[in-house]
Amino acid sequence: MRMRSPRVFIRTFAAGVLTAAASIAGHAAIAAPVVASVTIQNFDFHPMALTVPIGATVKWKNLDGEPHTVTSADGSFRSGALDQDDTYDHTFTKPGVYTYLCSIHPRMVATITVK
């Protein structure tokens, strides 16, 4: 078996390390899905305005003793009545500003901005 020169060995080793690093970096670039939270408490959504990236999931949780809904003004999403500690999730796949409200208590209004 013929021995490689030290320079060839170092170049080959370095190329392998760089290839492995690029592969790892490529996998690291696949970010975990974004999950944002909104609580429903004291007859309000908290926060009342939220900005998330495309593909993010928003999870609403009702902390009030009264039922509430999460209903978009444009009809693109709607929960059923959420009792205390119930949750509702929606994943946003298109950019835009989504206004939503509680259909039981329509004065409860908030927005999600998707960029």
PDB file of N, CA and C in Angstrom:
ATOM      1  N   MET A   1       0.857  -1.182   0.000  1.00  0.00           N
ATOM      2  CA  MET A   1       0.000   0.000   0.000  1.00  0.00           C
ATOM      3  C   MET A   1       0.891   1.230   0.000  1.00  0.00           C
ATOM      4  N   ARG A   2       0.563   2.154  -0.853  1.00  0.00           N
ATOM      5  CA  ARG A   2       1.376   3.353  -0.992  1.00  0.00           C
ATOM      6  C   ARG A   2       0.920   4.401   0.011  1.00  0.00           C
ATOM      7  N   MET A   3       1.827   5.027   0.676  1.00  0.00           N
ATOM      8  CA  MET A   3       1.532   6.071   1.665  1.00  0.00           C
ATOM      9  C   MET A   3       1.364   7.407   0.956  1.00  0.00           C
ATOM     10  N   ARG A   4       0.381   8.163   1.370  1.00  0.00           N
ATOM     11  CA  ARG A   4       0.176   9.499   0.819  1.00  0.00           C
ATOM     12  C   ARG A   4       1.125  10.469   1.508  1.00  0.00           C
ATOM     13  N   SER A   5       1.417  11.528   0.793  1.00  0.00           N
ATOM     14  CA  SER A   5       2.256  12.554   1.411  1.00  0.00           C
ATOM     15  C   SER A   5       1.445  13.243   2.497  1.00  0.00           C
ATOM     16  N   PRO A   6       2.116  13.841   3.471  1.00  0.00           N
ATOM     17  CA  PRO A   6       1.383  14.531   4.543  1.00  0.00           C
ATOM     18  C   PRO A   6       0.461  15.629   4.013  1.00  0.00           C
ATOM     19  N   ARG A   7       0.866  16.333   2.959  1.00  0.00           N
ATOM     20  CA  ARG A   7       0.021  17.405   2.414  1.00  0.00           C
ATOM     21  C   ARG A   7      -1.275  16.843   1.830  1.00  0.00           C
ATOM     22  N   VAL A   8      -1.166  15.751   1.082  1.00  0.00           N
ATOM     23  CA  VAL A   8      -2.362  15.137   0.497  1.00  0.00           C
ATOM     24  C   VAL A   8      -3.271  14.643   1.618  1.00  0.00           C
ATOM     25  N   PHE A   9      -2.709  14.033   2.632  1.00  0.00           N
ATOM     26  CA  PHE A   9      -3.487  13.545   3.766  1.00  0.00           C
ATOM     27  C   PHE A   9      -4.219  14.699   4.448  1.00  0.00           C
ATOM     28  N   ILE A  10      -3.512  15.798   4.688  1.00  0.00           N
ATOM     29  CA  ILE A  10      -4.125  16.943   5.372  1.00  0.00           C
ATOM     30  C   ILE A  10      -5.236  17.537   4.521  1.00  0.00           C
ATOM     31  N   ARG A  11      -5.006  17.691   3.191  1.00  0.00           N
ATOM     32  CA  ARG A  11      -6.043  18.233   2.308  1.00  0.00           C
ATOM     33  C   ARG A  11      -7.273  17.323   2.288  1.00  0.00           C
ATOM     34  N   THR A  12      -7.039  16.023   2.196  1.00  0.00           N
ATOM     35  CA  THR A  12      -8.152  15.070   2.171  1.00  0.00           C
ATOM     36  C   THR A  12      -8.917  15.099   3.487  1.00  0.00           C
ATOM     37  N   PHE A  13      -8.192  15.138   4.591  1.00  0.00           N
ATOM     38  CA  PHE A  13      -8.821  15.193   5.917  1.00  0.00           C
ATOM     39  C   PHE A  13      -9.621  16.481   6.067  1.00  0.00           C
ATOM     40  N   ALA A  14      -9.031  17.615   5.668  1.00  0.00           N
ATOM     41  CA  ALA A  14      -9.706  18.909   5.789  1.00  0.00           C
ATOM     42  C   ALA A  14     -10.968  18.936   4.928  1.00  0.00           C
ATOM     43  N   ALA A  15     -10.886  18.391   3.723  1.00  0.00           N
ATOM     44  CA  ALA A  15     -12.062  18.361   2.852  1.00  0.00           C
ATOM     45  C   ALA A  15     -13.172  17.537   3.490  1.00  0.00           C
ATOM     46  N   GLY A  16     -12.819  16.432   4.116  1.00  0.00           N
ATOM     47  CA  GLY A  16     -13.819  15.600   4.792  1.00  0.00           C
ATOM     48  C   GLY A  16     -14.464  16.322   5.960  1.00  0.00           C
ATOM     49  N   VAL A  17     -13.646  17.036   6.729  1.00  0.00           N
ATOM     50  CA  VAL A  17     -14.170  17.792   7.870  1.00  0.00           C
ATOM     51  C   VAL A  17     -15.115  18.885   7.374  1.00  0.00           C
ATOM     52  N   LEU A  18     -14.726  19.598   6.320  1.00  0.00           N
ATOM     53  CA  LEU A  18     -15.582  20.661   5.794  1.00  0.00           C
ATOM     54  C   LEU A  18     -16.890  20.097   5.241  1.00  0.00           C
ATOM     55  N   THR A  19     -16.833  18.957   4.576  1.00  0.00           N
ATOM     56  CA  THR A  19     -18.040  18.328   4.063  1.00  0.00           C
ATOM     57  C   THR A  19     -18.969  17.931   5.210  1.00  0.00           C
ATOM     58  N   ALA A  20     -18.401  17.354   6.252  1.00  0.00           N
ATOM     59  CA  ALA A  20     -19.208  16.966   7.418  1.00  0.00           C
ATOM     60  C   ALA A  20     -19.812  18.192   8.083  1.00  0.00           C
ATOM     61  N   ALA A  21     -19.028  19.265   8.218  1.00  0.00           N
ATOM     62  CA  ALA A  21     -19.534  20.488   8.842  1.00  0.00           C
ATOM     63  C   ALA A  21     -20.666  21.086   8.020  1.00  0.00           C
ATOM     64  N   ALA A  22     -20.519  21.079   6.694  1.00  0.00           N
ATOM     65  CA  ALA A  22     -21.573  21.615   5.829  1.00  0.00           C
ATOM     66  C   ALA A  22     -22.843  20.784   5.959  1.00  0.00           C
ATOM     67  N   SER A  23     -22.678  19.477   6.062  1.00  0.00           N
ATOM     68  CA  SER A  23     -23.837  18.599   6.217  1.00  0.00           C
ATOM     69  C   SER A  23     -24.554  18.873   7.529  1.00  0.00           C
ATOM     70  N   ILE A  24     -23.781  19.011   8.592  1.00  0.00           N
ATOM     71  CA  ILE A  24     -24.369  19.305   9.906  1.00  0.00           C
ATOM     72  C   ILE A  24     -25.046  20.662   9.874  1.00  0.00           C
ATOM     73  N   ALA A  25     -24.397  21.660   9.281  1.00  0.00           N
ATOM     74  CA  ALA A  25     -24.983  22.998   9.199  1.00  0.00           C
ATOM     75  C   ALA A  25     -26.272  22.957   8.394  1.00  0.00           C
ATOM     76  N   GLY A  26     -26.296  22.164   7.327  1.00  0.00           N
ATOM     77  CA  GLY A  26     -27.511  22.039   6.530  1.00  0.00           C
ATOM     78  C   GLY A  26     -28.657  21.481   7.337  1.00  0.00           C
ATOM     79  N   HIS A  27     -28.375  20.519   8.195  1.00  0.00           N
ATOM     80  CA  HIS A  27     -29.422  19.955   9.046  1.00  0.00           C
ATOM     81  C   HIS A  27     -29.831  20.942  10.123  1.00  0.00           C
ATOM     82  N   ALA A  28     -28.887  21.712  10.630  1.00  0.00           N
ATOM     83  CA  ALA A  28     -29.211  22.705  11.651  1.00  0.00           C
ATOM     84  C   ALA A  28     -30.082  23.811  11.072  1.00  0.00           C
ATOM     85  N   ALA A  29     -29.968  24.044   9.749  1.00  0.00           N
ATOM     86  CA  ALA A  29     -30.754  25.094   9.121  1.00  0.00           C
ATOM     87  C   ALA A  29     -32.234  24.729   9.064  1.00  0.00           C
ATOM     88  N   ILE A  30     -32.555  23.466   9.215  1.00  0.00           N
ATOM     89  CA  ILE A  30     -33.954  23.050   9.257  1.00  0.00           C
ATOM     90  C   ILE A  30     -34.444  23.337  10.670  1.00  0.00           C
ATOM     91  N   ALA A  31     -35.083  24.469  10.818  1.00  0.00           N
ATOM     92  CA  ALA A  31     -35.492  24.925  12.142  1.00  0.00           C
ATOM     93  C   ALA A  31     -36.701  24.140  12.639  1.00  0.00           C
ATOM     94  N   ALA A  32     -36.774  24.044  13.936  1.00  0.00           N
ATOM     95  CA  ALA A  32     -37.937  23.431  14.560  1.00  0.00           C
ATOM     96  C   ALA A  32     -39.145  24.334  14.297  1.00  0.00           C
ATOM     97  N   PRO A  33     -40.324  23.758  14.165  1.00  0.00           N
ATOM     98  CA  PRO A  33     -41.508  24.578  13.926  1.00  0.00           C
ATOM     99  C   PRO A  33     -41.709  25.593  15.055  1.00  0.00           C
ATOM    100  N   VAL A  34     -42.176  26.766  14.683  1.00  0.00           N
ATOM    101  CA  VAL A  34     -42.441  27.818  15.651  1.00  0.00           C
ATOM    102  C   VAL A  34     -43.833  27.592  16.231  1.00  0.00           C
ATOM    103  N   VAL A  35     -43.917  27.623  17.542  1.00  0.00           N
ATOM    104  CA  VAL A  35     -45.208  27.542  18.225  1.00  0.00           C
ATOM    105  C   VAL A  35     -45.319  28.775  19.117  1.00  0.00           C
ATOM    106  N   ALA A  36     -46.308  29.593  18.853  1.00  0.00           N
ATOM    107  CA  ALA A  36     -46.552  30.797  19.650  1.00  0.00           C
ATOM    108  C   ALA A  36     -47.800  30.575  20.496  1.00  0.00           C
ATOM    109  N   SER A  37     -47.845  31.223  21.633  1.00  0.00           N
ATOM    110  CA  SER A  37     -48.965  31.028  22.560  1.00  0.00           C
ATOM    111  C   SER A  37     -49.752  32.310  22.772  1.00  0.00           C
ATOM    112  N   VAL A  38     -51.056  32.148  22.843  1.00  0.00           N
ATOM    113  CA  VAL A  38     -51.967  33.231  23.210  1.00  0.00           C
ATOM    114  C   VAL A  38     -52.832  32.690  24.332  1.00  0.00           C
ATOM    115  N   THR A  39     -52.933  33.440  25.404  1.00  0.00           N
ATOM    116  CA  THR A  39     -53.839  33.035  26.479  1.00  0.00           C
ATOM    117  C   THR A  39     -55.106  33.879  26.397  1.00  0.00           C
ATOM    118  N   ILE A  40     -56.174  33.281  26.857  1.00  0.00           N
ATOM    119  CA  ILE A  40     -57.460  33.982  26.938  1.00  0.00           C
ATOM    120  C   ILE A  40     -57.750  34.105  28.427  1.00  0.00           C
ATOM    121  N   GLN A  41     -57.740  35.360  28.885  1.00  0.00           N
ATOM    122  CA  GLN A  41     -57.901  35.584  30.321  1.00  0.00           C
ATOM    123  C   GLN A  41     -58.537  36.953  30.554  1.00  0.00           C
ATOM    124  N   ASN A  42     -59.434  37.014  31.518  1.00  0.00           N
ATOM    125  CA  ASN A  42     -60.126  38.267  31.848  1.00  0.00           C
ATOM    126  C   ASN A  42     -60.819  38.858  30.611  1.00  0.00           C
ATOM    127  N   PHE A  43     -61.394  37.977  29.801  1.00  0.00           N
ATOM    128  CA  PHE A  43     -62.138  38.378  28.615  1.00  0.00           C
ATOM    129  C   PHE A  43     -61.281  39.182  27.627  1.00  0.00           C
ATOM    130  N   ASP A  44     -60.023  38.778  27.482  1.00  0.00           N
ATOM    131  CA  ASP A  44     -59.105  39.368  26.498  1.00  0.00           C
ATOM    132  C   ASP A  44     -58.156  38.300  25.992  1.00  0.00           C
ATOM    133  N   PHE A  45     -57.618  38.531  24.787  1.00  0.00           N
ATOM    134  CA  PHE A  45     -56.548  37.703  24.241  1.00  0.00           C
ATOM    135  C   PHE A  45     -55.223  38.358  24.628  1.00  0.00           C
ATOM    136  N   HIS A  46     -54.277  37.546  25.087  1.00  0.00           N
ATOM    137  CA  HIS A  46     -52.959  38.062  25.498  1.00  0.00           C
ATOM    138  C   HIS A  46     -51.871  37.286  24.776  1.00  0.00           C
ATOM    139  N   PRO A  47     -51.070  37.910  23.919  1.00  0.00           N
ATOM    140  CA  PRO A  47     -51.110  39.316  23.525  1.00  0.00           C
ATOM    141  C   PRO A  47     -52.239  39.568  22.527  1.00  0.00           C
ATOM    142  N   MET A  48     -52.619  40.821  22.403  1.00  0.00           N
ATOM    143  CA  MET A  48     -53.691  41.184  21.475  1.00  0.00           C
ATOM    144  C   MET A  48     -53.168  41.310  20.048  1.00  0.00           C
ATOM    145  N   ALA A  49     -51.867  41.479  19.882  1.00  0.00           N
ATOM    146  CA  ALA A  49     -51.245  41.528  18.553  1.00  0.00           C
ATOM    147  C   ALA A  49     -50.002  40.648  18.611  1.00  0.00           C
ATOM    148  N   LEU A  50     -49.883  39.765  17.651  1.00  0.00           N
ATOM    149  CA  LEU A  50     -48.782  38.807  17.613  1.00  0.00           C
ATOM    150  C   LEU A  50     -48.281  38.702  16.186  1.00  0.00           C
ATOM    151  N   THR A  51     -46.952  38.649  16.008  1.00  0.00           N
ATOM    152  CA  THR A  51     -46.362  38.454  14.689  1.00  0.00           C
ATOM    153  C   THR A  51     -45.610  37.131  14.689  1.00  0.00           C
ATOM    154  N   VAL A  52     -45.873  36.305  13.673  1.00  0.00           N
ATOM    155  CA  VAL A  52     -45.235  34.986  13.560  1.00  0.00           C
ATOM    156  C   VAL A  52     -44.772  34.771  12.123  1.00  0.00           C
ATOM    157  N   PRO A  53     -43.801  33.869  11.919  1.00  0.00           N
ATOM    158  CA  PRO A  53     -43.384  33.556  10.554  1.00  0.00           C
ATOM    159  C   PRO A  53     -44.377  32.600   9.886  1.00  0.00           C
ATOM    160  N   ILE A  54     -44.326  32.557   8.551  1.00  0.00           N
ATOM    161  CA  ILE A  54     -45.141  31.596   7.807  1.00  0.00           C
ATOM    162  C   ILE A  54     -44.798  30.192   8.294  1.00  0.00           C
ATOM    163  N   GLY A  55     -45.794  29.378   8.502  1.00  0.00           N
ATOM    164  CA  GLY A  55     -45.592  28.015   8.978  1.00  0.00           C
ATOM    165  C   GLY A  55     -45.689  27.872  10.483  1.00  0.00           C
ATOM    166  N   ALA A  56     -45.826  28.987  11.189  1.00  0.00           N
ATOM    167  CA  ALA A  56     -45.922  28.933  12.650  1.00  0.00           C
ATOM    168  C   ALA A  56     -47.297  28.432  13.071  1.00  0.00           C
ATOM    169  N   THR A  57     -47.312  27.776  14.210  1.00  0.00           N
ATOM    170  CA  THR A  57     -48.561  27.340  14.821  1.00  0.00           C
ATOM    171  C   THR A  57     -48.820  28.226  16.031  1.00  0.00           C
ATOM    172  N   VAL A  58     -50.029  28.720  16.127  1.00  0.00           N
ATOM    173  CA  VAL A  58     -50.432  29.498  17.301  1.00  0.00           C
ATOM    174  C   VAL A  58     -51.348  28.614  18.131  1.00  0.00           C
ATOM    175  N   LYS A  59     -51.071  28.585  19.434  1.00  0.00           N
ATOM    176  CA  LYS A  59     -51.875  27.782  20.372  1.00  0.00           C
ATOM    177  C   LYS A  59     -52.555  28.750  21.344  1.00  0.00           C
ATOM    178  N   TRP A  60     -53.875  28.731  21.331  1.00  0.00           N
ATOM    179  CA  TRP A  60     -54.653  29.528  22.265  1.00  0.00           C
ATOM    180  C   TRP A  60     -55.052  28.647  23.439  1.00  0.00           C
ATOM    181  N   LYS A  61     -55.035  29.210  24.641  1.00  0.00           N
ATOM    182  CA  LYS A  61     -55.479  28.478  25.835  1.00  0.00           C
ATOM    183  C   LYS A  61     -56.407  29.375  26.630  1.00  0.00           C
ATOM    184  N   ASN A  62     -57.598  28.854  26.928  1.00  0.00           N
ATOM    185  CA  ASN A  62     -58.577  29.604  27.702  1.00  0.00           C
ATOM    186  C   ASN A  62     -58.318  29.413  29.193  1.00  0.00           C
ATOM    187  N   LEU A  63     -58.000  30.504  29.861  1.00  0.00           N
ATOM    188  CA  LEU A  63     -57.788  30.452  31.313  1.00  0.00           C
ATOM    189  C   LEU A  63     -58.988  30.984  32.093  1.00  0.00           C
ATOM    190  N   ASP A  64     -60.000  31.477  31.378  1.00  0.00           N
ATOM    191  CA  ASP A  64     -61.205  31.985  32.038  1.00  0.00           C
ATOM    192  C   ASP A  64     -62.141  30.839  32.412  1.00  0.00           C
ATOM    193  N   GLY A  65     -62.998  31.105  33.364  1.00  0.00           N
ATOM    194  CA  GLY A  65     -64.033  30.146  33.751  1.00  0.00           C
ATOM    195  C   GLY A  65     -65.201  30.132  32.781  1.00  0.00           C
ATOM    196  N   GLU A  66     -65.245  31.061  31.860  1.00  0.00           N
ATOM    197  CA  GLU A  66     -66.297  31.152  30.848  1.00  0.00           C
ATOM    198  C   GLU A  66     -65.777  30.593  29.524  1.00  0.00           C
ATOM    199  N   PRO A  67     -66.649  30.018  28.694  1.00  0.00           N
ATOM    200  CA  PRO A  67     -66.199  29.545  27.378  1.00  0.00           C
ATOM    201  C   PRO A  67     -65.902  30.712  26.437  1.00  0.00           C
ATOM    202  N   HIS A  68     -64.956  30.498  25.537  1.00  0.00           N
ATOM    203  CA  HIS A  68     -64.603  31.469  24.501  1.00  0.00           C
ATOM    204  C   HIS A  68     -64.329  30.708  23.214  1.00  0.00           C
ATOM    205  N   THR A  69     -64.358  31.437  22.082  1.00  0.00           N
ATOM    206  CA  THR A  69     -63.961  30.855  20.807  1.00  0.00           C
ATOM    207  C   THR A  69     -62.818  31.680  20.229  1.00  0.00           C
ATOM    208  N   VAL A  70     -62.163  31.100  19.236  1.00  0.00           N
ATOM    209  CA  VAL A  70     -61.162  31.792  18.434  1.00  0.00           C
ATOM    210  C   VAL A  70     -61.688  31.713  17.005  1.00  0.00           C
ATOM    211  N   THR A  71     -62.182  32.847  16.486  1.00  0.00           N
ATOM    212  CA  THR A  71     -62.866  32.864  15.198  1.00  0.00           C
ATOM    213  C   THR A  71     -62.278  33.961  14.323  1.00  0.00           C
ATOM    214  N   SER A  72     -61.718  33.578  13.177  1.00  0.00           N
ATOM    215  CA  SER A  72     -61.132  34.580  12.284  1.00  0.00           C
ATOM    216  C   SER A  72     -62.238  35.372  11.597  1.00  0.00           C
ATOM    217  N   ALA A  73     -61.951  36.634  11.344  1.00  0.00           N
ATOM    218  CA  ALA A  73     -62.920  37.500  10.668  1.00  0.00           C
ATOM    219  C   ALA A  73     -63.140  37.065   9.222  1.00  0.00           C
ATOM    220  N   ASP A  74     -62.104  36.454   8.597  1.00  0.00           N
ATOM    221  CA  ASP A  74     -62.234  36.042   7.191  1.00  0.00           C
ATOM    222  C   ASP A  74     -62.714  34.598   7.037  1.00  0.00           C
ATOM    223  N   GLY A  75     -62.997  33.914   8.132  1.00  0.00           N
ATOM    224  CA  GLY A  75     -63.505  32.548   8.079  1.00  0.00           C
ATOM    225  C   GLY A  75     -62.456  31.475   7.843  1.00  0.00           C
ATOM    226  N   SER A  76     -61.171  31.834   7.909  1.00  0.00           N
ATOM    227  CA  SER A  76     -60.122  30.847   7.613  1.00  0.00           C
ATOM    228  C   SER A  76     -59.837  29.889   8.766  1.00  0.00           C
ATOM    229  N   PHE A  77     -60.239  30.241   9.979  1.00  0.00           N
ATOM    230  CA  PHE A  77     -60.109  29.307  11.106  1.00  0.00           C
ATOM    231  C   PHE A  77     -61.160  29.626  12.159  1.00  0.00           C
ATOM    232  N   ARG A  78     -61.531  28.587  12.883  1.00  0.00           N
ATOM    233  CA  ARG A  78     -62.550  28.743  13.928  1.00  0.00           C
ATOM    234  C   ARG A  78     -62.464  27.573  14.898  1.00  0.00           C
ATOM    235  N   SER A  79     -62.380  27.898  16.156  1.00  0.00           N
ATOM    236  CA  SER A  79     -62.419  26.847  17.178  1.00  0.00           C
ATOM    237  C   SER A  79     -63.862  26.622  17.576  1.00  0.00           C
ATOM    238  N   GLY A  80     -64.076  25.545  18.265  1.00  0.00           N
ATOM    239  CA  GLY A  80     -65.348  25.381  18.948  1.00  0.00           C
ATOM    240  C   GLY A  80     -65.273  26.179  20.244  1.00  0.00           C
ATOM    241  N   ALA A  81     -66.274  26.050  21.080  1.00  0.00           N
ATOM    242  CA  ALA A  81     -66.241  26.719  22.379  1.00  0.00           C
ATOM    243  C   ALA A  81     -65.149  26.071  23.230  1.00  0.00           C
ATOM    244  N   LEU A  82     -64.264  26.893  23.754  1.00  0.00           N
ATOM    245  CA  LEU A  82     -63.171  26.412  24.600  1.00  0.00           C
ATOM    246  C   LEU A  82     -63.528  26.653  26.052  1.00  0.00           C
ATOM    247  N   ASP A  83     -63.674  25.588  26.816  1.00  0.00           N
ATOM    248  CA  ASP A  83     -63.895  25.724  28.245  1.00  0.00           C
ATOM    249  C   ASP A  83     -62.559  26.014  28.927  1.00  0.00           C
ATOM    250  N   GLN A  84     -62.601  26.255  30.223  1.00  0.00           N
ATOM    251  CA  GLN A  84     -61.371  26.566  30.966  1.00  0.00           C
ATOM    252  C   GLN A  84     -60.322  25.478  30.752  1.00  0.00           C
ATOM    253  N   ASP A  85     -59.108  25.895  30.453  1.00  0.00           N
ATOM    254  CA  ASP A  85     -57.929  25.052  30.195  1.00  0.00           C
ATOM    255  C   ASP A  85     -57.953  24.321  28.856  1.00  0.00           C
ATOM    256  N   ASP A  86     -59.005  24.511  28.040  1.00  0.00           N
ATOM    257  CA  ASP A  86     -59.007  23.942  26.690  1.00  0.00           C
ATOM    258  C   ASP A  86     -58.066  24.750  25.798  1.00  0.00           C
ATOM    259  N   THR A  87     -57.557  24.091  24.760  1.00  0.00           N
ATOM    260  CA  THR A  87     -56.664  24.762  23.815  1.00  0.00           C
ATOM    261  C   THR A  87     -57.166  24.567  22.384  1.00  0.00           C
ATOM    262  N   TYR A  88     -56.691  25.445  21.520  1.00  0.00           N
ATOM    263  CA  TYR A  88     -56.969  25.369  20.089  1.00  0.00           C
ATOM    264  C   TYR A  88     -55.705  25.778  19.358  1.00  0.00           C
ATOM    265  N   ASP A  89     -55.314  25.015  18.329  1.00  0.00           N
ATOM    266  CA  ASP A  89     -54.122  25.301  17.531  1.00  0.00           C
ATOM    267  C   ASP A  89     -54.512  25.588  16.094  1.00  0.00           C
ATOM    268  N   HIS A  90     -53.774  26.517  15.486  1.00  0.00           N
ATOM    269  CA  HIS A  90     -53.929  26.774  14.054  1.00  0.00           C
ATOM    270  C   HIS A  90     -52.562  27.090  13.473  1.00  0.00           C
ATOM    271  N   THR A  91     -52.224  26.472  12.332  1.00  0.00           N
ATOM    272  CA  THR A  91     -50.967  26.721  11.642  1.00  0.00           C
ATOM    273  C   THR A  91     -51.224  27.692  10.495  1.00  0.00           C
ATOM    274  N   PHE A  92     -50.427  28.753  10.443  1.00  0.00           N
ATOM    275  CA  PHE A  92     -50.574  29.797   9.434  1.00  0.00           C
ATOM    276  C   PHE A  92     -49.631  29.529   8.268  1.00  0.00           C
ATOM    277  N   THR A  93     -50.193  29.287   7.092  1.00  0.00           N
ATOM    278  CA  THR A  93     -49.395  28.921   5.922  1.00  0.00           C
ATOM    279  C   THR A  93     -49.291  30.038   4.888  1.00  0.00           C
ATOM    280  N   LYS A  94     -50.016  31.123   5.083  1.00  0.00           N
ATOM    281  CA  LYS A  94     -49.992  32.239   4.131  1.00  0.00           C
ATOM    282  C   LYS A  94     -49.743  33.542   4.879  1.00  0.00           C
ATOM    283  N   PRO A  95     -48.951  34.445   4.267  1.00  0.00           N
ATOM    284  CA  PRO A  95     -48.723  35.737   4.926  1.00  0.00           C
ATOM    285  C   PRO A  95     -49.999  36.569   4.941  1.00  0.00           C
ATOM    286  N   GLY A  96     -50.065  37.482   5.894  1.00  0.00           N
ATOM    287  CA  GLY A  96     -51.216  38.376   5.984  1.00  0.00           C
ATOM    288  C   GLY A  96     -51.467  38.796   7.410  1.00  0.00           C
ATOM    289  N   VAL A  97     -52.473  39.618   7.579  1.00  0.00           N
ATOM    290  CA  VAL A  97     -52.916  40.049   8.904  1.00  0.00           C
ATOM    291  C   VAL A  97     -54.273  39.405   9.138  1.00  0.00           C
ATOM    292  N   TYR A  98     -54.347  38.613  10.175  1.00  0.00           N
ATOM    293  CA  TYR A  98     -55.563  37.865  10.497  1.00  0.00           C
ATOM    294  C   TYR A  98     -56.194  38.460  11.756  1.00  0.00           C
ATOM    295  N   THR A  99     -57.363  39.030  11.599  1.00  0.00           N
ATOM    296  CA  THR A  99     -58.122  39.533  12.739  1.00  0.00           C
ATOM    297  C   THR A  99     -59.017  38.403  13.220  1.00  0.00           C
ATOM    298  N   TYR A 100     -59.082  38.236  14.527  1.00  0.00           N
ATOM    299  CA  TYR A 100     -59.951  37.190  15.076  1.00  0.00           C
ATOM    300  C   TYR A 100     -60.648  37.722  16.317  1.00  0.00           C
ATOM    301  N   LEU A 101     -61.691  37.006  16.729  1.00  0.00           N
ATOM    302  CA  LEU A 101     -62.489  37.422  17.880  1.00  0.00           C
ATOM    303  C   LEU A 101     -63.088  36.211  18.565  1.00  0.00           C
ATOM    304  N   CYS A 102     -63.700  36.470  19.687  1.00  0.00           N
ATOM    305  CA  CYS A 102     -64.492  35.443  20.362  1.00  0.00           C
ATOM    306  C   CYS A 102     -65.927  35.652  19.888  1.00  0.00           C
ATOM    307  N   SER A 103     -66.501  34.651  19.238  1.00  0.00           N
ATOM    308  CA  SER A 103     -67.861  34.811  18.709  1.00  0.00           C
ATOM    309  C   SER A 103     -68.911  34.876  19.820  1.00  0.00           C
ATOM    310  N   ILE A 104     -68.548  34.431  21.013  1.00  0.00           N
ATOM    311  CA  ILE A 104     -69.470  34.518  22.157  1.00  0.00           C
ATOM    312  C   ILE A 104     -69.419  35.919  22.767  1.00  0.00           C
ATOM    313  N   HIS A 105     -68.219  36.513  22.770  1.00  0.00           N
ATOM    314  CA  HIS A 105     -67.992  37.848  23.340  1.00  0.00           C
ATOM    315  C   HIS A 105     -67.285  38.698  22.271  1.00  0.00           C
ATOM    316  N   PRO A 106     -68.023  39.216  21.285  1.00  0.00           N
ATOM    317  CA  PRO A 106     -67.405  39.849  20.118  1.00  0.00           C
ATOM    318  C   PRO A 106     -66.559  41.090  20.395  1.00  0.00           C
ATOM    319  N   ARG A 107     -66.596  41.624  21.599  1.00  0.00           N
ATOM    320  CA  ARG A 107     -65.718  42.752  21.905  1.00  0.00           C
ATOM    321  C   ARG A 107     -64.265  42.292  22.082  1.00  0.00           C
ATOM    322  N   MET A 108     -64.075  40.983  22.230  1.00  0.00           N
ATOM    323  CA  MET A 108     -62.727  40.405  22.363  1.00  0.00           C
ATOM    324  C   MET A 108     -62.148  40.246  20.962  1.00  0.00           C
ATOM    325  N   VAL A 109     -61.222  41.133  20.581  1.00  0.00           N
ATOM    326  CA  VAL A 109     -60.652  41.142  19.224  1.00  0.00           C
ATOM    327  C   VAL A 109     -59.136  41.206  19.332  1.00  0.00           C
ATOM    328  N   ALA A 110     -58.451  40.509  18.431  1.00  0.00           N
ATOM    329  CA  ALA A 110     -56.992  40.537  18.385  1.00  0.00           C
ATOM    330  C   ALA A 110     -56.527  40.257  16.958  1.00  0.00           C
ATOM    331  N   THR A 111     -55.211  40.352  16.721  1.00  0.00           N
ATOM    332  CA  THR A 111     -54.676  40.095  15.379  1.00  0.00           C
ATOM    333  C   THR A 111     -53.420  39.240  15.434  1.00  0.00           C
ATOM    334  N   ILE A 112     -53.252  38.471  14.367  1.00  0.00           N
ATOM    335  CA  ILE A 112     -52.027  37.711  14.123  1.00  0.00           C
ATOM    336  C   ILE A 112     -51.485  38.224  12.786  1.00  0.00           C
ATOM    337  N   THR A 113     -50.231  38.676  12.775  1.00  0.00           N
ATOM    338  CA  THR A 113     -49.571  39.073  11.545  1.00  0.00           C
ATOM    339  C   THR A 113     -48.607  37.963  11.161  1.00  0.00           C
ATOM    340  N   VAL A 114     -48.742  37.466   9.938  1.00  0.00           N
ATOM    341  CA  VAL A 114     -47.897  36.374   9.449  1.00  0.00           C
ATOM    342  C   VAL A 114     -46.999  36.928   8.360  1.00  0.00           C
ATOM    343  N   LYS A 115     -45.688  36.800   8.596  1.00  0.00           N
ATOM    344  CA  LYS A 115     -44.697  37.313   7.617  1.00  0.00           C
ATOM    345  C   LYS A 115     -43.828  36.197   7.116  1.00  0.00           C
TER     346      LYS A 115
END
